[in-house]
């Protein structure tokens, strides 16, 4: 199996895990997510063993770095926008959505704190980015 096929299989396994967990949450079946998660981990380990050869170069790391940065920035912007919108709707007479708004807003703040500290950590470890 090629590495690309493995990544596709991994994506399918994650989709199945998310679908099973969503169905379990919707129907209130508490015992499904844990075995589904264990099955997903086992399936990923088994499919990883079938990969014959992986060729990794600097481009792979640059692509992964840019993709993760874009995902983080887009996710943070969307979460902040939705959180502020829900907070504004809450003030218009819908108090039941306030916990959701606060969760999104505080999640974005937490993500930025982790981002700042991880940037400082890796800048010190790899020697760059932060001037002293």
Protein backbone atom coordinates (compact mmCIF):
# COMPACT_ATOMS: atom_id res chain seq x y z
CA UNK A 1 0.00 0.00 0.00
CA UNK A 2 1.31 3.46 -0.82
CA UNK A 3 1.44 6.27 1.70
CA UNK A 4 -1.27 8.13 -0.20
CA UNK A 5 -3.60 5.11 0.05
CA UNK A 6 -2.83 4.92 3.77
CA UNK A 7 -3.79 8.57 4.22
CA UNK A 8 -7.07 7.97 2.37
CA UNK A 9 -7.77 4.92 4.56
CA UNK A 10 -6.96 6.94 7.66
CA UNK A 11 -9.39 9.65 6.54
CA UNK A 12 -12.14 7.05 5.98
CA UNK A 13 -11.49 5.52 9.42
CA UNK A 14 -11.78 8.95 11.05
CA UNK A 15 -15.01 9.66 9.15
CA UNK A 16 -16.50 6.37 10.37
CA UNK A 17 -15.40 7.18 13.94
CA UNK A 18 -16.99 10.64 13.78
CA UNK A 19 -20.20 9.19 12.30
CA UNK A 20 -20.47 6.50 14.97
CA UNK A 21 -19.80 9.00 17.75
CA UNK A 22 -22.35 11.44 16.34
CA UNK A 23 -25.02 8.76 16.10
CA UNK A 24 -24.22 7.61 19.63
CA UNK A 25 -24.52 11.13 21.01
CA UNK A 26 -27.77 11.79 19.12
CA UNK A 27 -29.41 8.61 20.39
CA UNK A 28 -27.87 8.74 23.87
CA UNK A 29 -25.93 5.48 23.57
CA UNK A 30 -22.96 5.98 25.85
CA UNK A 31 -21.12 2.72 25.18
CA UNK A 32 -20.45 3.20 21.44
CA UNK A 33 -17.71 5.91 21.38
CA UNK A 34 -15.11 4.01 23.44
CA UNK A 35 -15.14 0.76 21.40
CA UNK A 36 -15.37 2.82 18.20
CA UNK A 37 -12.28 4.79 19.23
CA UNK A 38 -10.39 1.63 20.10
CA UNK A 39 -11.40 0.07 16.78
CA UNK A 40 -10.24 3.20 14.93
CA UNK A 41 -6.84 3.14 16.64
CA UNK A 42 -6.44 -0.57 15.90
CA UNK A 43 -7.48 -0.11 12.26
CA UNK A 44 -5.00 2.76 11.82
CA UNK A 45 -2.18 0.70 13.31
CA UNK A 46 -2.98 -2.24 11.06
CA UNK A 47 -3.20 -0.13 7.92
CA UNK A 48 0.04 1.66 8.87
CA UNK A 49 1.84 -1.68 8.90
CA UNK A 50 0.75 -2.30 5.31
CA UNK A 51 2.58 0.79 4.05
CA UNK A 52 5.61 -0.35 2.10
CA UNK A 53 7.74 2.75 1.74
CA UNK A 54 7.44 6.36 2.77
CA UNK A 55 9.54 9.02 1.09
CA UNK A 56 9.57 12.24 3.09
CA UNK A 57 11.42 15.37 2.14
CA UNK A 58 11.44 19.01 3.20
CA UNK A 59 8.41 19.82 1.04
CA UNK A 60 6.22 17.45 3.05
CA UNK A 61 7.06 19.33 6.24
CA UNK A 62 6.48 22.73 4.63
CA UNK A 63 3.13 21.60 3.21
CA UNK A 64 2.02 20.15 6.57
CA UNK A 65 3.15 23.31 8.37
CA UNK A 66 1.25 25.61 6.03
CA UNK A 67 -1.86 23.42 6.07
CA UNK A 68 -1.94 23.26 9.86
CA UNK A 69 -1.40 27.01 10.15
CA UNK A 70 -4.25 27.69 7.72
CA UNK A 71 -6.54 25.25 9.53
CA UNK A 72 -5.72 26.87 12.88
CA UNK A 73 -6.24 30.42 11.64
CA UNK A 74 -9.46 29.65 9.76
CA UNK A 75 -10.85 27.63 12.67
CA UNK A 76 -10.01 30.34 15.19
CA UNK A 77 -11.58 33.06 13.06
CA UNK A 78 -14.75 31.05 12.46
CA UNK A 79 -15.05 30.06 16.14
CA UNK A 80 -14.52 33.66 17.27
CA UNK A 81 -17.07 34.99 14.78
CA UNK A 82 -19.70 32.40 15.72
CA UNK A 83 -19.01 32.93 19.44
CA UNK A 84 -19.42 36.70 19.21
CA UNK A 85 -22.55 36.27 17.07
CA UNK A 86 -24.07 33.89 19.62
CA UNK A 87 -23.17 36.30 22.42
CA UNK A 88 -24.96 39.10 20.55
CA UNK A 89 -28.01 36.88 20.00
CA UNK A 90 -27.97 35.97 23.68
CA UNK A 91 -28.29 39.64 24.58
CA UNK A 92 -31.36 39.89 22.35
CA UNK A 93 -33.33 37.61 24.64
CA UNK A 94 -31.97 34.11 24.12
CA UNK A 95 -30.15 33.30 27.35
CA UNK A 96 -29.98 29.56 26.61
CA UNK A 97 -27.18 30.05 24.04
CA UNK A 98 -24.79 31.89 26.36
CA UNK A 99 -22.83 28.74 27.40
CA UNK A 100 -22.18 27.92 23.74
CA UNK A 101 -20.97 31.45 23.01
CA UNK A 102 -18.65 31.48 26.01
CA UNK A 103 -17.31 28.04 25.15
CA UNK A 104 -16.37 29.12 21.64
CA UNK A 105 -14.85 32.41 22.76
CA UNK A 106 -12.83 30.82 25.56
CA UNK A 107 -11.74 28.00 23.25
CA UNK A 108 -10.27 30.52 20.83
CA UNK A 109 -8.48 32.24 23.70
CA UNK A 110 -7.11 28.90 24.88
CA UNK A 111 -5.94 28.01 21.38
CA UNK A 112 -4.09 31.30 21.08
CA UNK A 113 -2.43 30.77 24.47
CA UNK A 114 -1.26 27.30 23.39
CA UNK A 115 -0.08 28.77 20.07
CA UNK A 116 1.92 31.53 21.75
CA UNK A 117 3.60 29.20 24.26
CA UNK A 118 4.37 26.55 21.65
CA UNK A 119 5.86 29.22 19.37
CA UNK A 120 8.05 30.47 22.21
CA UNK A 121 9.08 26.92 23.11
CA UNK A 122 10.03 25.89 19.58
CA UNK A 123 11.71 29.23 18.89
CA UNK A 124 13.98 28.63 21.86
CA UNK A 125 14.52 24.99 21.01
CA UNK A 126 15.19 25.49 17.31
CA UNK A 127 16.93 28.84 17.66
CA UNK A 128 14.93 31.43 15.81
CA UNK A 129 11.92 33.64 15.64
CA UNK A 130 12.14 35.35 19.03
CA UNK A 131 14.67 38.08 19.75
CA UNK A 132 16.03 38.41 23.23
